[in-house]
Amino acid sequence: MSSLRNSVQRRSHRERAQPLERERLGLLEKKKDYQKRAKDYNKKKAVLKSLRQKAADRNEDEFYFGMMSRKGPGAAITRGKAFTGNVDGDRGNKAMDVDTVRLLKTQDLGYIRTMRNVAAKEVRALEERFVLAGGTEQDEDDEDSDDDMGPSTLQPRKPKKIVFFDDTTEREQALERAEDEDVDMQNSDDDAAATTALRKEENLEKITRRLRAAKKKLKALKDAEHELEVQKAKMAKTSTTGGITKNGRRIKVRRK
């Protein structure tokens, strides 16, 4: 029955054409055309939403290489009507007020002081380890120093016991065996002493490198702390001094 039903001539359903009064508007949009247009619209909408989110989450103080090539604001005389007072490429970031900057610098100074104390404690501990390892100031200045690393590590020999022999031949043989044993023992002691000295030298070099790095870090933290203290003094609410001009006169900063 199904084959007979399919063999009967059926009416062909064509798509609706554009009405004559709307023929000037072009082809009539079909459902497939609407689906493509809606898909494209939703795709562009998602892209714009993602870009807006990225712009909202972006750090205003983030570095980018355009900062290296942009020009300063210049002056009204040099730039004429093009002068706006803004830096070329300025994104309109608002400058923080003095009180906020002073508070941030206070927090930075507290953090740097904490890290300086930690670094100073590490330097003291390394200096103690350096002294216990047998190091000297010359060793600290030159890692390849060949100075003595410390007292000798050779152990005292055990006292020999008295042995009685029946004849001279037996005594000479015993003396030869004892000499061979002494030579072997001396060689083994020398090897052990050399190995111990090498380990001490390697340990001392390692401690010296760590001590130098810790001192360098401590110096950098001290310099940063000093710079922040100077900046805070210049930003104080009361009058303060800081810096010297080319003529040798002190710079006095007055703030209301």
C-alpha atoms as a PDB file:
ATOM      1  CA  MET A   1       0.000   0.000   0.000  1.00  0.00           C
ATOM      2  CA  SER A   2       2.829   2.373   0.818  1.00  0.00           C
ATOM      3  CA  SER A   3       4.347   1.928  -2.626  1.00  0.00           C
ATOM      4  CA  LEU A   4       0.992   2.618  -4.245  1.00  0.00           C
ATOM      5  CA  ARG A   5       0.501   5.776  -2.169  1.00  0.00           C
ATOM      6  CA  ASN A   6       3.889   7.070  -3.151  1.00  0.00           C
ATOM      7  CA  SER A   7       3.246   6.458  -6.828  1.00  0.00           C
ATOM      8  CA  VAL A   8       0.257   8.808  -6.897  1.00  0.00           C
ATOM      9  CA  GLN A   9       0.972  12.248  -8.348  1.00  0.00           C
ATOM     10  CA  ARG A  10       1.140  14.843  -5.555  1.00  0.00           C
ATOM     11  CA  ARG A  11       0.942  18.586  -5.504  1.00  0.00           C
ATOM     12  CA  SER A  12       4.357  20.234  -5.265  1.00  0.00           C
ATOM     13  CA  HIS A  13       4.608  22.794  -2.443  1.00  0.00           C
ATOM     14  CA  ARG A  14       6.759  25.727  -3.455  1.00  0.00           C
ATOM     15  CA  GLU A  15       8.188  28.424  -1.219  1.00  0.00           C
ATOM     16  CA  ARG A  16       6.175  31.569  -0.918  1.00  0.00           C
ATOM     17  CA  ALA A  17       7.382  34.273  -3.233  1.00  0.00           C
ATOM     18  CA  GLN A  18       7.701  37.954  -2.478  1.00  0.00           C
ATOM     19  CA  PRO A  19       4.344  39.710  -2.910  1.00  0.00           C
ATOM     20  CA  LEU A  20       4.137  42.064  -5.854  1.00  0.00           C
ATOM     21  CA  GLU A  21       3.648  45.130  -3.663  1.00  0.00           C
ATOM     22  CA  ARG A  22       6.869  44.233  -1.825  1.00  0.00           C
ATOM     23  CA  GLU A  23       8.877  43.199  -4.835  1.00  0.00           C
ATOM     24  CA  ARG A  24      10.914  46.399  -4.575  1.00  0.00           C
ATOM     25  CA  LEU A  25      12.353  45.103  -1.273  1.00  0.00           C
ATOM     26  CA  GLY A  26      14.138  42.217  -2.937  1.00  0.00           C
ATOM     27  CA  LEU A  27      13.975  38.516  -2.242  1.00  0.00           C
ATOM     28  CA  LEU A  28      11.777  37.308   0.582  1.00  0.00           C
ATOM     29  CA  GLU A  29      13.795  36.084   3.550  1.00  0.00           C
ATOM     30  CA  LYS A  30      13.221  32.395   4.226  1.00  0.00           C
ATOM     31  CA  LYS A  31      13.678  30.507   7.478  1.00  0.00           C
ATOM     32  CA  LYS A  32      17.138  29.265   6.523  1.00  0.00           C
ATOM     33  CA  ASP A  33      18.199  32.844   5.822  1.00  0.00           C
ATOM     34  CA  TYR A  34      16.914  33.931   9.229  1.00  0.00           C
ATOM     35  CA  GLN A  35      18.783  31.094  10.925  1.00  0.00           C
ATOM     36  CA  LYS A  36      22.078  32.141   9.344  1.00  0.00           C
ATOM     37  CA  ARG A  37      21.519  35.778  10.243  1.00  0.00           C
ATOM     38  CA  ALA A  38      20.570  34.907  13.848  1.00  0.00           C
ATOM     39  CA  LYS A  39      23.621  32.632  14.217  1.00  0.00           C
ATOM     40  CA  ASP A  40      25.942  35.367  12.980  1.00  0.00           C
ATOM     41  CA  TYR A  41      24.315  37.925  15.279  1.00  0.00           C
ATOM     42  CA  ASN A  42      24.651  35.700  18.364  1.00  0.00           C
ATOM     43  CA  LYS A  43      28.279  34.957  17.513  1.00  0.00           C
ATOM     44  CA  LYS A  44      29.142  38.657  17.276  1.00  0.00           C
ATOM     45  CA  LYS A  45      27.218  39.307  20.477  1.00  0.00           C
ATOM     46  CA  ALA A  46      29.270  36.698  22.346  1.00  0.00           C
ATOM     47  CA  VAL A  47      32.532  38.168  21.031  1.00  0.00           C
ATOM     48  CA  LEU A  48      31.561  41.674  22.155  1.00  0.00           C
ATOM     49  CA  LYS A  49      30.595  40.362  25.595  1.00  0.00           C
ATOM     50  CA  SER A  50      33.959  38.627  25.944  1.00  0.00           C
ATOM     51  CA  LEU A  51      35.848  41.772  24.915  1.00  0.00           C
ATOM     52  CA  ARG A  52      33.887  43.899  27.387  1.00  0.00           C
ATOM     53  CA  GLN A  53      34.721  41.443  30.157  1.00  0.00           C
ATOM     54  CA  LYS A  54      38.424  41.507  29.263  1.00  0.00           C
ATOM     55  CA  ALA A  55      38.415  45.311  29.230  1.00  0.00           C
ATOM     56  CA  ALA A  56      36.709  45.383  32.640  1.00  0.00           C
ATOM     57  CA  ASP A  57      39.190  42.927  34.179  1.00  0.00           C
ATOM     58  CA  ARG A  58      42.271  44.573  32.703  1.00  0.00           C
ATOM     59  CA  ASN A  59      44.786  46.130  35.058  1.00  0.00           C
ATOM     60  CA  GLU A  60      44.943  49.868  34.502  1.00  0.00           C
ATOM     61  CA  ASP A  61      48.605  49.989  35.479  1.00  0.00           C
ATOM     62  CA  GLU A  62      49.612  47.072  33.266  1.00  0.00           C
ATOM     63  CA  PHE A  63      52.760  47.617  31.203  1.00  0.00           C
ATOM     64  CA  TYR A  64      52.617  47.425  27.450  1.00  0.00           C
ATOM     65  CA  PHE A  65      55.290  48.310  24.882  1.00  0.00           C
ATOM     66  CA  GLY A  66      53.340  51.278  23.573  1.00  0.00           C
ATOM     67  CA  MET A  67      54.502  53.124  26.677  1.00  0.00           C
ATOM     68  CA  MET A  68      58.050  53.102  25.343  1.00  0.00           C
ATOM     69  CA  SER A  69      57.196  54.971  22.113  1.00  0.00           C
ATOM     70  CA  ARG A  70      54.465  57.406  23.105  1.00  0.00           C
ATOM     71  CA  LYS A  71      55.239  61.111  23.471  1.00  0.00           C
ATOM     72  CA  GLY A  72      54.740  63.414  26.405  1.00  0.00           C
ATOM     73  CA  PRO A  73      52.112  66.136  26.645  1.00  0.00           C
ATOM     74  CA  GLY A  74      54.493  68.787  25.361  1.00  0.00           C
ATOM     75  CA  ALA A  75      53.476  72.420  25.689  1.00  0.00           C
ATOM     76  CA  ALA A  76      50.892  74.743  24.166  1.00  0.00           C
ATOM     77  CA  ILE A  77      53.621  76.786  22.448  1.00  0.00           C
ATOM     78  CA  THR A  78      55.259  73.810  20.723  1.00  0.00           C
ATOM     79  CA  ARG A  79      52.126  71.827  19.833  1.00  0.00           C
ATOM     80  CA  GLY A  80      49.714  74.671  19.218  1.00  0.00           C
ATOM     81  CA  LYS A  81      46.081  73.720  18.820  1.00  0.00           C
ATOM     82  CA  ALA A  82      46.970  70.022  19.091  1.00  0.00           C
ATOM     83  CA  PHE A  83      47.957  70.512  22.739  1.00  0.00           C
ATOM     84  CA  THR A  84      45.502  68.773  25.089  1.00  0.00           C
ATOM     85  CA  GLY A  85      47.669  68.362  28.192  1.00  0.00           C
ATOM     86  CA  ASN A  86      47.495  64.572  27.954  1.00  0.00           C
ATOM     87  CA  VAL A  87      50.173  62.082  27.029  1.00  0.00           C
ATOM     88  CA  ASP A  88      49.775  60.551  23.567  1.00  0.00           C
ATOM     89  CA  GLY A  89      48.169  57.176  24.067  1.00  0.00           C
ATOM     90  CA  ASP A  90      46.870  58.076  27.502  1.00  0.00           C
ATOM     91  CA  ARG A  91      43.948  55.841  28.476  1.00  0.00           C
ATOM     92  CA  GLY A  92      42.497  58.353  30.866  1.00  0.00           C
ATOM     93  CA  ASN A  93      43.610  56.690  34.086  1.00  0.00           C
ATOM     94  CA  LYS A  94      42.923  58.788  37.155  1.00  0.00           C
ATOM     95  CA  ALA A  95      45.903  59.796  39.267  1.00  0.00           C
ATOM     96  CA  MET A  96      45.680  58.783  42.915  1.00  0.00           C
ATOM     97  CA  ASP A  97      45.656  61.492  45.550  1.00  0.00           C
ATOM     98  CA  VAL A  98      48.643  62.131  47.814  1.00  0.00           C
ATOM     99  CA  ASP A  99      47.056  60.537  50.902  1.00  0.00           C
ATOM    100  CA  THR A 100      46.418  57.256  49.067  1.00  0.00           C
ATOM    101  CA  VAL A 101      49.947  57.162  47.666  1.00  0.00           C
ATOM    102  CA  ARG A 102      51.396  57.904  51.109  1.00  0.00           C
ATOM    103  CA  LEU A 103      49.381  55.026  52.603  1.00  0.00           C
ATOM    104  CA  LEU A 104      50.541  52.641  49.871  1.00  0.00           C
ATOM    105  CA  LYS A 105      54.152  53.655  50.397  1.00  0.00           C
ATOM    106  CA  THR A 106      53.745  53.053  54.129  1.00  0.00           C
ATOM    107  CA  GLN A 107      52.500  49.532  53.410  1.00  0.00           C
ATOM    108  CA  ASP A 108      55.369  48.941  50.983  1.00  0.00           C
ATOM    109  CA  LEU A 109      57.843  50.189  53.567  1.00  0.00           C
ATOM    110  CA  GLY A 110      56.433  47.817  56.203  1.00  0.00           C
ATOM    111  CA  TYR A 111      56.734  44.872  53.818  1.00  0.00           C
ATOM    112  CA  ILE A 112      60.310  45.783  52.869  1.00  0.00           C
ATOM    113  CA  ARG A 113      61.275  46.096  56.541  1.00  0.00           C
ATOM    114  CA  THR A 114      59.843  42.655  57.252  1.00  0.00           C
ATOM    115  CA  MET A 115      61.751  41.127  54.362  1.00  0.00           C
ATOM    116  CA  ARG A 116      64.920  42.979  55.447  1.00  0.00           C
ATOM    117  CA  ASN A 117      64.660  41.451  58.921  1.00  0.00           C
ATOM    118  CA  VAL A 118      64.230  38.003  57.389  1.00  0.00           C
ATOM    119  CA  ALA A 119      67.245  38.562  55.124  1.00  0.00           C
ATOM    120  CA  ALA A 120      69.356  39.851  58.042  1.00  0.00           C
ATOM    121  CA  LYS A 121      68.456  36.759  60.086  1.00  0.00           C
ATOM    122  CA  GLU A 122      69.460  34.541  57.167  1.00  0.00           C
ATOM    123  CA  VAL A 123      72.798  36.371  56.826  1.00  0.00           C
ATOM    124  CA  ARG A 124      73.557  35.914  60.537  1.00  0.00           C
ATOM    125  CA  ALA A 125      72.772  32.193  60.344  1.00  0.00           C
ATOM    126  CA  LEU A 126      74.967  31.760  57.264  1.00  0.00           C
ATOM    127  CA  GLU A 127      77.810  33.679  58.894  1.00  0.00           C
ATOM    128  CA  GLU A 128      77.665  31.314  61.886  1.00  0.00           C
ATOM    129  CA  ARG A 129      77.712  28.299  59.576  1.00  0.00           C
ATOM    130  CA  PHE A 130      80.584  29.881  57.643  1.00  0.00           C
ATOM    131  CA  VAL A 131      82.685  30.259  60.805  1.00  0.00           C
ATOM    132  CA  LEU A 132      81.851  26.737  62.011  1.00  0.00           C
ATOM    133  CA  ALA A 133      82.884  25.363  58.620  1.00  0.00           C
ATOM    134  CA  GLY A 134      86.358  26.850  59.133  1.00  0.00           C
ATOM    135  CA  GLY A 135      85.970  29.819  56.818  1.00  0.00           C
ATOM    136  CA  THR A 136      87.788  33.125  57.148  1.00  0.00           C
ATOM    137  CA  GLU A 137      87.337  36.584  55.649  1.00  0.00           C
ATOM    138  CA  GLN A 138      89.840  35.682  52.941  1.00  0.00           C
ATOM    139  CA  ASP A 139      87.762  32.618  52.056  1.00  0.00           C
ATOM    140  CA  GLU A 140      84.662  34.800  51.830  1.00  0.00           C
ATOM    141  CA  ASP A 141      86.409  37.203  49.438  1.00  0.00           C
ATOM    142  CA  ASP A 142      87.904  34.432  47.305  1.00  0.00           C
ATOM    143  CA  GLU A 143      86.112  31.114  46.929  1.00  0.00           C
ATOM    144  CA  ASP A 144      89.202  29.478  45.395  1.00  0.00           C
ATOM    145  CA  SER A 145      91.378  30.120  48.430  1.00  0.00           C
ATOM    146  CA  ASP A 146      93.759  27.270  49.314  1.00  0.00           C
ATOM    147  CA  ASP A 147      94.012  28.123  53.004  1.00  0.00           C
ATOM    148  CA  ASP A 148      93.699  25.481  55.690  1.00  0.00           C
ATOM    149  CA  MET A 149      90.072  24.571  56.304  1.00  0.00           C
ATOM    150  CA  GLY A 150      90.571  23.575  59.916  1.00  0.00           C
ATOM    151  CA  PRO A 151      92.502  21.275  62.235  1.00  0.00           C
ATOM    152  CA  SER A 152      93.691  17.925  61.012  1.00  0.00           C
ATOM    153  CA  THR A 153      91.201  15.087  61.173  1.00  0.00           C
ATOM    154  CA  LEU A 154      93.815  12.322  61.582  1.00  0.00           C
ATOM    155  CA  GLN A 155      92.992  10.027  64.478  1.00  0.00           C
ATOM    156  CA  PRO A 156      95.770   9.051  66.943  1.00  0.00           C
ATOM    157  CA  ARG A 157      97.130   5.597  66.460  1.00  0.00           C
ATOM    158  CA  LYS A 158      96.481   2.894  69.007  1.00  0.00           C
ATOM    159  CA  PRO A 159      99.408   1.873  71.264  1.00  0.00           C
ATOM    160  CA  LYS A 160     101.225  -1.273  70.220  1.00  0.00           C
ATOM    161  CA  LYS A 161     101.343  -4.256  72.479  1.00  0.00           C
ATOM    162  CA  ILE A 162     104.563  -6.080  73.470  1.00  0.00           C
ATOM    163  CA  VAL A 163     105.134  -9.380  71.670  1.00  0.00           C
ATOM    164  CA  PHE A 164     107.809 -11.977  72.576  1.00  0.00           C
ATOM    165  CA  PHE A 165     109.468 -14.119  69.876  1.00  0.00           C
ATOM    166  CA  ASP A 166     111.401 -17.389  70.103  1.00  0.00           C
ATOM    167  CA  ASP A 167     114.128 -16.537  67.566  1.00  0.00           C
ATOM    168  CA  THR A 168     115.446 -13.713  65.403  1.00  0.00           C
ATOM    169  CA  THR A 169     113.876 -14.978  62.165  1.00  0.00           C
ATOM    170  CA  GLU A 170     110.381 -14.937  63.597  1.00  0.00           C
ATOM    171  CA  ARG A 171     111.001 -11.426  64.960  1.00  0.00           C
ATOM    172  CA  GLU A 172     112.151 -10.127  61.538  1.00  0.00           C
ATOM    173  CA  GLN A 173     109.116 -11.635  59.809  1.00  0.00           C
ATOM    174  CA  ALA A 174     106.806 -10.045  62.381  1.00  0.00           C
ATOM    175  CA  LEU A 175     108.528  -6.668  61.879  1.00  0.00           C
ATOM    176  CA  GLU A 176     108.060  -6.912  58.092  1.00  0.00           C
ATOM    177  CA  ARG A 177     104.352  -7.712  58.514  1.00  0.00           C
ATOM    178  CA  ALA A 178     103.954  -4.818  60.959  1.00  0.00           C
ATOM    179  CA  GLU A 179     105.660  -2.407  58.544  1.00  0.00           C
ATOM    180  CA  ASP A 180     103.339  -3.507  55.714  1.00  0.00           C
ATOM    181  CA  GLU A 181     100.304  -3.012  57.949  1.00  0.00           C
ATOM    182  CA  ASP A 182     101.557   0.430  58.988  1.00  0.00           C
ATOM    183  CA  VAL A 183     101.977   1.448  55.344  1.00  0.00           C
ATOM    184  CA  ASP A 184      98.476   0.236  54.455  1.00  0.00           C
ATOM    185  CA  MET A 185      96.979   1.972  57.488  1.00  0.00           C
ATOM    186  CA  GLN A 186      98.810   5.199  56.684  1.00  0.00           C
ATOM    187  CA  ASN A 187      97.587   5.115  53.069  1.00  0.00           C
ATOM    188  CA  SER A 188      93.987   4.518  54.169  1.00  0.00           C
ATOM    189  CA  ASP A 189      94.243   7.348  56.733  1.00  0.00           C
ATOM    190  CA  ASP A 190      95.609   9.686  54.059  1.00  0.00           C
ATOM    191  CA  ASP A 191      92.749   8.805  51.705  1.00  0.00           C
ATOM    192  CA  ALA A 192      90.161   9.370  54.442  1.00  0.00           C
ATOM    193  CA  ALA A 193      91.750  12.702  55.373  1.00  0.00           C
ATOM    194  CA  ALA A 194      91.776  13.829  51.733  1.00  0.00           C
ATOM    195  CA  THR A 195      88.115  12.854  51.293  1.00  0.00           C
ATOM    196  CA  THR A 196      87.129  14.699  54.486  1.00  0.00           C
ATOM    197  CA  ALA A 197      89.081  17.799  53.456  1.00  0.00           C
ATOM    198  CA  LEU A 198      87.425  17.769  50.005  1.00  0.00           C
ATOM    199  CA  ARG A 199      83.955  17.522  51.538  1.00  0.00           C
ATOM    200  CA  LYS A 200      84.727  20.391  53.891  1.00  0.00           C
ATOM    201  CA  GLU A 201      85.978  22.517  51.020  1.00  0.00           C
ATOM    202  CA  GLU A 202      82.864  21.841  48.936  1.00  0.00           C
ATOM    203  CA  ASN A 203      80.623  22.625  51.912  1.00  0.00           C
ATOM    204  CA  LEU A 204      82.518  25.865  52.562  1.00  0.00           C
ATOM    205  CA  GLU A 205      82.185  26.950  48.922  1.00  0.00           C
ATOM    206  CA  LYS A 206      78.449  26.271  49.014  1.00  0.00           C
ATOM    207  CA  ILE A 207      77.977  28.286  52.202  1.00  0.00           C
ATOM    208  CA  THR A 208      80.114  31.108  50.763  1.00  0.00           C
ATOM    209  CA  ARG A 209      77.935  31.371  47.647  1.00  0.00           C
ATOM    210  CA  ARG A 210      74.748  31.422  49.714  1.00  0.00           C
ATOM    211  CA  LEU A 211      76.226  34.044  52.054  1.00  0.00           C
ATOM    212  CA  ARG A 212      77.168  36.323  49.154  1.00  0.00           C
ATOM    213  CA  ALA A 213      73.688  36.048  47.639  1.00  0.00           C
ATOM    214  CA  ALA A 214      72.043  36.747  51.006  1.00  0.00           C
ATOM    215  CA  LYS A 215      74.232  39.826  51.590  1.00  0.00           C
ATOM    216  CA  LYS A 216      73.429  41.121  48.109  1.00  0.00           C
ATOM    217  CA  LYS A 217      69.709  40.686  48.767  1.00  0.00           C
ATOM    218  CA  LEU A 218      70.019  42.426  52.148  1.00  0.00           C
ATOM    219  CA  LYS A 219      71.809  45.394  50.565  1.00  0.00           C
ATOM    220  CA  ALA A 220      69.097  45.731  47.889  1.00  0.00           C
ATOM    221  CA  LEU A 221      66.375  45.720  50.544  1.00  0.00           C
ATOM    222  CA  LYS A 222      68.214  48.338  52.602  1.00  0.00           C
ATOM    223  CA  ASP A 223      68.561  50.596  49.542  1.00  0.00           C
ATOM    224  CA  ALA A 224      64.865  50.196  48.708  1.00  0.00           C
ATOM    225  CA  GLU A 225      63.919  50.985  52.304  1.00  0.00           C
ATOM    226  CA  HIS A 226      66.050  54.133  52.249  1.00  0.00           C
ATOM    227  CA  GLU A 227      64.490  55.310  48.971  1.00  0.00           C
ATOM    228  CA  LEU A 228      60.973  54.788  50.307  1.00  0.00           C
ATOM    229  CA  GLU A 229      61.800  56.649  53.491  1.00  0.00           C
ATOM    230  CA  VAL A 230      63.082  59.592  51.431  1.00  0.00           C
ATOM    231  CA  GLN A 231      59.933  59.578  49.283  1.00  0.00           C
ATOM    232  CA  LYS A 232      57.700  59.480  52.366  1.00  0.00           C
ATOM    233  CA  ALA A 233      59.633  62.370  53.879  1.00  0.00           C
ATOM    234  CA  LYS A 234      59.115  64.432  50.725  1.00  0.00           C
ATOM    235  CA  MET A 235      55.383  63.626  50.754  1.00  0.00           C
ATOM    236  CA  ALA A 236      54.918  64.571  54.407  1.00  0.00           C
ATOM    237  CA  LYS A 237      52.181  67.033  55.296  1.00  0.00           C
ATOM    238  CA  THR A 238      54.624  69.262  57.176  1.00  0.00           C
ATOM    239  CA  SER A 239      57.630  71.014  55.640  1.00  0.00           C
ATOM    240  CA  THR A 240      60.622  68.766  55.063  1.00  0.00           C
ATOM    241  CA  THR A 241      63.949  68.846  53.283  1.00  0.00           C
ATOM    242  CA  GLY A 242      65.529  66.457  50.866  1.00  0.00           C
ATOM    243  CA  GLY A 243      68.140  66.556  48.132  1.00  0.00           C
ATOM    244  CA  ILE A 244      70.766  69.115  47.116  1.00  0.00           C
ATOM    245  CA  THR A 245      70.812  71.340  44.040  1.00  0.00           C
ATOM    246  CA  LYS A 246      73.784  71.848  41.703  1.00  0.00           C
ATOM    247  CA  ASN A 247      74.733  74.968  43.642  1.00  0.00           C
ATOM    248  CA  GLY A 248      74.899  72.999  46.893  1.00  0.00           C
ATOM    249  CA  ARG A 249      71.665  74.373  48.323  1.00  0.00           C
ATOM    250  CA  ARG A 250      69.188  72.053  50.046  1.00  0.00           C
ATOM    251  CA  ILE A 251      65.791  71.478  48.438  1.00  0.00           C
ATOM    252  CA  LYS A 252      63.020  72.360  50.837  1.00  0.00           C
ATOM    253  CA  VAL A 253      59.591  70.966  50.054  1.00  0.00           C
ATOM    254  CA  ARG A 254      56.631  72.758  51.622  1.00  0.00           C
ATOM    255  CA  ARG A 255      53.133  71.318  51.537  1.00  0.00           C
ATOM    256  CA  LYS A 256      49.903  72.776  52.839  1.00  0.00           C
END
